[in-house]
Structure formats: C-alpha cells, structure tokens
N, C-alpha and C. Protein backbone atom coordinates (compact mmCIF):
# COMPACT_ATOMS: atom_id res chain seq x y z
N UNK A 1 1.19 -1.46 -0.28
CA UNK A 1 0.31 -0.27 -0.45
C UNK A 1 0.92 1.12 -0.03
N UNK A 2 0.82 2.12 -1.17
CA UNK A 2 1.56 3.16 -0.36
C UNK A 2 0.73 4.57 0.24
N UNK A 3 1.68 5.08 0.86
CA UNK A 3 1.58 6.21 2.00
C UNK A 3 1.98 7.61 1.18
N UNK A 4 1.46 8.92 2.27
CA UNK A 4 1.74 10.14 2.08
C UNK A 4 1.51 10.40 3.46
N UNK A 5 3.13 10.42 3.61
CA UNK A 5 4.16 10.80 5.02
C UNK A 5 3.82 12.27 5.12
N UNK A 6 3.70 12.65 5.91
CA UNK A 6 4.13 14.49 6.92
C UNK A 6 5.77 14.75 6.82
N UNK A 7 6.47 16.47 5.57
CA UNK A 7 7.63 15.63 5.68
C UNK A 7 8.59 16.95 6.31
N UNK A 8 7.22 17.68 8.06
CA UNK A 8 8.32 17.79 9.65
C UNK A 8 6.90 18.39 9.83
N UNK A 9 7.69 18.10 11.38
CA UNK A 9 7.03 18.01 12.44
C UNK A 9 5.87 19.32 12.22
N UNK A 10 5.02 19.66 12.42
CA UNK A 10 3.51 20.78 12.92
C UNK A 10 2.36 20.33 12.43
N UNK A 11 1.23 21.33 13.00
CA UNK A 11 0.06 21.28 13.30
C UNK A 11 -1.06 20.55 11.51
N UNK A 12 -1.53 19.24 11.05
CA UNK A 12 -2.73 19.76 9.80
C UNK A 12 -3.32 20.49 10.55
N UNK A 13 -3.61 21.34 8.94
CA UNK A 13 -4.89 23.04 9.07
C UNK A 13 -5.62 22.07 7.54
N UNK A 14 -4.81 21.72 6.47
CA UNK A 14 -6.58 21.34 6.38
C UNK A 14 -6.08 20.12 5.28
N UNK A 15 -7.44 18.86 5.38
CA UNK A 15 -7.29 17.99 4.48
C UNK A 15 -7.74 17.94 3.05
N UNK A 16 -6.92 18.30 1.65
CA UNK A 16 -7.98 18.75 0.68
C UNK A 16 -8.60 16.99 0.03
N UNK A 17 -8.03 16.79 0.23
CA UNK A 17 -8.46 15.47 -0.69
C UNK A 17 -9.55 14.25 1.24
N UNK A 18 -10.33 13.75 0.55
CA UNK A 18 -10.94 12.47 1.24
C UNK A 18 -11.32 11.14 0.16
N UNK A 19 -11.60 9.88 1.22
CA UNK A 19 -11.14 8.34 0.87
C UNK A 19 -11.92 8.51 -0.68
N UNK A 20 -11.19 7.27 -1.51
CA UNK A 20 -11.96 7.62 -2.81
C UNK A 20 -11.65 8.24 -3.72
N UNK A 21 -10.90 9.58 -3.52
CA UNK A 21 -10.93 10.46 -4.54
C UNK A 21 -9.00 9.99 -5.61
N UNK A 22 -9.33 10.60 -6.63
CA UNK A 22 -8.34 10.20 -7.17
C UNK A 22 -7.07 11.33 -7.15
N UNK A 23 -5.88 11.06 -6.83
CA UNK A 23 -4.42 11.53 -6.40
C UNK A 23 -3.55 11.34 -7.35
N UNK A 24 -2.75 12.57 -7.92
CA UNK A 24 -1.77 11.90 -9.27
C UNK A 24 -0.16 12.70 -9.07
N UNK A 25 0.82 11.79 -9.01
CA UNK A 25 1.94 13.22 -8.12
C UNK A 25 2.72 13.94 -8.67
N UNK A 26 2.62 14.52 -7.36
CA UNK A 26 2.75 16.41 -6.70
C UNK A 26 2.14 17.55 -6.88
N UNK A 27 0.42 16.62 -6.35
CA UNK A 27 -0.76 16.90 -5.78
C UNK A 27 -0.75 17.30 -4.58
N UNK A 28 -1.06 18.31 -3.92
CA UNK A 28 -1.09 19.01 -2.05
C UNK A 28 -2.75 18.03 -2.50
N UNK A 29 -2.29 17.76 -1.11
CA UNK A 29 -3.68 16.59 -0.44
C UNK A 29 -3.43 17.09 1.26
N UNK A 30 -2.72 18.03 1.58
CA UNK A 30 -2.73 18.44 3.37
C UNK A 30 -2.04 20.30 3.29
N UNK A 31 -2.21 20.84 4.69
CA UNK A 31 -1.04 21.32 4.40
C UNK A 31 -1.01 21.73 6.03
N UNK A 32 -0.09 21.91 6.11
CA UNK A 32 0.72 21.46 7.69
C UNK A 32 1.16 22.96 8.05
N UNK A 33 0.91 23.66 8.92
CA UNK A 33 0.85 25.07 9.92
C UNK A 33 2.24 24.54 10.49
N UNK A 34 3.79 25.16 10.72
CA UNK A 34 5.31 24.44 10.94
C UNK A 34 5.61 25.77 11.23
N UNK A 35 6.69 26.41 12.62
CA UNK A 35 7.14 27.90 12.62
C UNK A 35 5.64 28.23 12.22
N UNK A 36 4.77 28.74 12.54
CA UNK A 36 3.23 30.12 11.88
C UNK A 36 3.80 30.50 10.09
N UNK A 37 4.42 29.21 8.89
CA UNK A 37 4.11 28.51 7.60
C UNK A 37 3.51 27.37 7.19
N UNK A 38 2.40 28.05 6.73
CA UNK A 38 1.41 27.22 5.99
C UNK A 38 2.68 26.43 4.57
N UNK A 39 2.31 24.81 4.66
CA UNK A 39 2.57 23.98 4.07
C UNK A 39 2.47 22.23 3.68
N UNK A 40 2.61 23.88 2.26
CA UNK A 40 1.61 22.06 2.04
C UNK A 40 2.48 20.22 1.33
N UNK A 41 1.11 19.57 1.52
CA UNK A 41 1.79 18.64 1.52
C UNK A 41 1.42 17.62 0.21
N UNK A 42 2.52 17.03 -0.72
CA UNK A 42 2.40 17.11 -2.16
C UNK A 42 2.71 15.07 -1.82
N UNK A 43 1.07 14.79 -2.66
CA UNK A 43 1.88 13.24 -3.05
C UNK A 43 2.58 12.62 -3.59
N UNK A 44 3.34 11.43 -3.83
CA UNK A 44 5.22 11.73 -4.56
C UNK A 44 4.52 10.85 -5.27
N UNK A 45 2.52 10.08 -5.20
CA UNK A 45 3.51 8.72 -6.12
C UNK A 45 0.97 9.21 -6.42
N UNK A 46 0.36 8.37 -7.44
CA UNK A 46 -0.37 8.37 -8.20
C UNK A 46 -1.61 6.85 -7.76
N UNK A 47 -2.33 7.66 -6.87
CA UNK A 47 -3.83 6.47 -7.00
C UNK A 47 -4.32 7.18 -6.24
N UNK A 48 -5.59 6.44 -5.65
CA UNK A 48 -7.00 6.43 -4.84
C UNK A 48 -7.21 6.81 -3.07
N UNK A 49 -7.07 7.31 -3.34
CA UNK A 49 -7.47 8.13 -1.21
C UNK A 49 -7.34 6.11 -0.74
N UNK A 50 -7.29 5.13 0.08
CA UNK A 50 -7.97 3.82 0.60
C UNK A 50 -7.78 4.17 2.04
N UNK A 51 -7.50 5.15 3.37
CA UNK A 51 -7.84 6.22 4.54
C UNK A 51 -6.95 6.88 4.58
N UNK A 52 -7.97 7.40 4.97
CA UNK A 52 -6.67 9.51 5.28
C UNK A 52 -6.68 8.86 7.77
N UNK A 53 -5.62 9.14 8.17
CA UNK A 53 -5.44 8.87 9.41
C UNK A 53 -4.82 10.41 10.17
N UNK A 54 -5.12 11.30 10.17
CA UNK A 54 -4.68 12.13 10.93
C UNK A 54 -6.09 13.49 10.33
N UNK A 55 -6.70 14.08 10.77
CA UNK A 55 -7.45 15.29 11.08
C UNK A 55 -7.19 16.60 11.27
N UNK A 56 -8.25 17.17 10.78
CA UNK A 56 -7.55 18.63 10.73
C UNK A 56 -7.13 19.24 12.51
N UNK A 57 -5.66 19.93 12.86
CA UNK A 57 -5.94 20.00 14.50
C UNK A 57 -5.73 19.10 14.80
N UNK A 58 -4.51 17.31 13.87
CA UNK A 58 -3.91 16.80 14.87
C UNK A 58 -2.48 17.28 14.65
N UNK A 59 -1.46 16.93 16.06
CA UNK A 59 0.31 17.52 15.61
C UNK A 59 0.76 15.94 15.09
N UNK A 60 1.81 16.33 14.30
CA UNK A 60 2.82 14.77 13.99
C UNK A 60 3.82 15.41 13.45
N UNK A 61 4.49 14.12 13.35
CA UNK A 61 5.82 14.59 13.35
C UNK A 61 6.19 14.17 12.62
N UNK A 62 7.51 14.23 11.46
CA UNK A 62 8.36 13.93 10.26
C UNK A 62 7.93 12.65 9.96
N UNK A 63 7.72 12.73 9.63
CA UNK A 63 7.28 10.56 8.66
C UNK A 63 5.84 9.95 9.46
N UNK A 64 5.33 10.66 10.23
CA UNK A 64 3.71 10.45 10.18
C UNK A 64 2.96 9.82 8.70
N UNK A 65 2.27 8.93 8.89
CA UNK A 65 1.39 8.76 8.11
C UNK A 65 0.76 9.81 7.46
N UNK A 66 -0.37 10.34 6.56
CA UNK A 66 -1.72 11.48 6.58
C UNK A 66 -2.47 10.74 5.89
N UNK A 67 -2.29 9.83 5.01
CA UNK A 67 -2.79 8.94 4.68
C UNK A 67 -2.18 8.38 4.19
N UNK A 68 -3.21 6.76 3.14
CA UNK A 68 -2.36 5.76 2.16
C UNK A 68 -3.18 5.71 0.89
N UNK A 69 -2.23 4.98 0.19
CA UNK A 69 -3.54 4.73 -1.02
C UNK A 69 -2.75 3.81 -2.09
N UNK A 70 -4.15 3.54 -3.10
CA UNK A 70 -4.67 1.77 -3.22
C UNK A 70 -3.64 2.39 -4.56
C-alpha cells in the first residue's frame, strides 16, 4: 500500500482530499502549519485515497503517515 507522509513536524491545518479521490504525483493533499508557516503536503505517487489517518488540528511528526493510497 502506498503512503503519504509528513515531511516535517507540524499541525494539520486542512485535508484537501477524501477517501475515494484520485490523486496524482505532485498533487497537494494536505496543508501543515509549522513555525507559523503553512506548507503544502504533496503526494509522491498516484493512486486512490484509501484511508486518511489524521484530522485537522492533529499534531504530526516528520515521517508520520497522513494517508494511504491504493
């Protein structure tokens, strides 16, 4: 199963996709806030969103899985 992970520690501000959505390589799928900056999280693979493992307001560390793709 493919995964989209956080590239740094921060708070999840927004999830831009929902389960069942098709994503492509480079597509923005979430927004993190770290050190008062909002940073987009992009998928590094194409696929269909299978599961979202975080919610808006959650704190994540670098490498934490945000969602899985089929």
